[in-house]
Amino acid sequence: MARALLEAEGIEVVGEAADGESAISEAERLRPQLVLLDIQLPGIDGFEVAARLGEASDPPAVVLTSSHAASSYRRRLAQSPARAFIPKGELSGEALAALLA
């Protein structure tokens, strides 16, 4: 769903992953500018993926997303190396592009 929305808005989506471990592998292989992570990934969650990606020598910008409000994750978001949190209902190509500007 996110892929179709973002591609319709002109964002090039270079990869997808079904779980946290795959997200790390794909990000290391593809080296994208930005990684959009669902917080509730199977296996390791989006927060842990963001932390591991942040350890790279040239880490991508990480944006976390969830169907839950940011207030549900307040403490963990404050400690995360992720650049931002965007609720799924507000996800758009424009919002992501603004974070890279």
Protein backbone atom coordinates (compact mmCIF):
# COMPACT_ATOMS: atom_id res chain seq x y z
CA MET A 1 0.00 0.00 0.00
CA ALA A 2 2.74 2.50 0.94
CA ARG A 3 4.71 1.61 -2.18
CA ALA A 4 1.80 2.38 -4.52
CA LEU A 5 1.05 5.66 -2.71
CA LEU A 6 4.66 6.83 -2.83
CA GLU A 7 5.27 5.79 -6.43
CA ALA A 8 2.08 7.58 -7.48
CA GLU A 9 3.57 10.72 -5.93
CA GLY A 10 6.89 10.39 -7.77
CA ILE A 11 8.98 8.70 -5.08
CA GLU A 12 11.23 5.94 -6.43
CA VAL A 13 10.86 2.88 -4.23
CA VAL A 14 13.95 0.70 -4.67
CA GLY A 15 13.10 -2.13 -2.30
CA GLU A 16 10.76 -3.70 0.21
CA ALA A 17 11.17 -6.06 3.13
CA ALA A 18 8.70 -8.22 5.01
CA ASP A 19 10.51 -8.22 8.37
CA GLY A 20 13.21 -6.45 10.36
CA GLU A 21 16.13 -8.68 9.39
CA SER A 22 15.24 -8.40 5.70
CA ALA A 23 14.95 -4.62 6.05
CA ILE A 24 18.52 -4.43 7.32
CA SER A 25 19.82 -6.71 4.56
CA GLU A 26 17.99 -4.81 1.83
CA ALA A 27 19.13 -1.41 3.14
CA GLU A 28 22.74 -2.61 3.23
CA ARG A 29 22.45 -4.03 -0.29
CA LEU A 30 20.52 -1.17 -1.92
CA ARG A 31 21.97 1.79 0.05
CA PRO A 32 18.88 4.03 -0.28
CA GLN A 33 18.76 7.68 0.75
CA LEU A 34 15.74 7.04 2.93
CA VAL A 35 14.30 3.99 4.67
CA LEU A 36 10.65 4.01 5.66
CA LEU A 37 10.08 1.55 8.51
CA ASP A 38 6.90 0.31 10.07
CA ILE A 39 7.48 0.20 13.81
CA GLN A 40 5.66 -3.11 14.15
CA LEU A 41 7.77 -5.30 11.87
CA PRO A 42 7.83 -9.05 12.40
CA GLY A 43 11.01 -10.21 14.13
CA ILE A 44 13.02 -7.20 15.20
CA ASP A 45 10.94 -4.03 15.33
CA GLY A 46 11.43 -0.78 13.45
CA PHE A 47 13.20 0.86 16.39
CA GLU A 48 15.87 -1.84 16.44
CA VAL A 49 16.23 -1.73 12.65
CA ALA A 50 16.68 2.06 12.84
CA ALA A 51 19.34 1.66 15.53
CA ARG A 52 21.26 -0.91 13.49
CA LEU A 53 21.04 1.14 10.29
CA GLY A 54 22.26 4.17 12.23
CA GLU A 55 25.52 2.36 12.97
CA ALA A 56 26.53 2.30 9.28
CA SER A 57 29.34 4.57 8.12
CA ASP A 58 26.93 6.40 5.79
CA PRO A 59 23.49 5.67 7.25
CA PRO A 60 20.27 6.36 5.36
CA ALA A 61 17.70 8.75 6.73
CA VAL A 62 15.18 6.61 8.60
CA VAL A 63 11.52 7.51 8.96
CA LEU A 64 9.35 5.44 11.25
CA THR A 65 5.65 4.96 10.62
CA SER A 66 2.76 3.28 12.39
CA SER A 67 -1.00 3.15 12.44
CA HIS A 68 -0.70 4.13 16.11
CA ALA A 69 -0.15 7.73 17.23
CA ALA A 70 3.31 9.03 18.11
CA SER A 71 2.18 9.34 21.72
CA SER A 72 2.09 5.53 21.89
CA TYR A 73 5.87 5.50 21.32
CA ARG A 74 6.95 8.82 22.85
CA ARG A 75 9.94 7.57 24.88
CA ARG A 76 11.24 5.21 22.21
CA LEU A 77 10.88 7.86 19.50
CA ALA A 78 12.89 10.33 21.60
CA GLN A 79 15.71 7.77 21.90
CA SER A 80 15.61 6.61 18.28
CA PRO A 81 18.14 7.71 15.65
CA ALA A 82 15.24 7.96 13.18
CA ARG A 83 14.91 11.35 11.52
CA ALA A 84 11.13 11.45 11.96
CA PHE A 85 7.89 9.67 12.67
CA ILE A 86 4.96 9.97 10.27
CA PRO A 87 1.63 8.35 11.15
CA LYS A 88 0.44 6.09 8.33
CA GLY A 89 -2.61 8.28 7.81
CA GLU A 90 -0.33 11.26 7.04
CA LEU A 91 2.22 9.41 4.90
CA SER A 92 2.88 11.08 1.56
CA GLY A 93 5.64 11.61 -0.93
CA GLU A 94 5.59 15.28 -0.08
CA ALA A 95 6.12 14.58 3.63
CA LEU A 96 9.08 12.29 2.89
CA ALA A 97 10.62 14.69 0.38
CA ALA A 98 10.44 17.50 2.95
CA LEU A 99 12.50 15.37 5.35
CA LEU A 100 15.25 14.93 2.78
CA ALA A 101 15.41 18.63 1.87
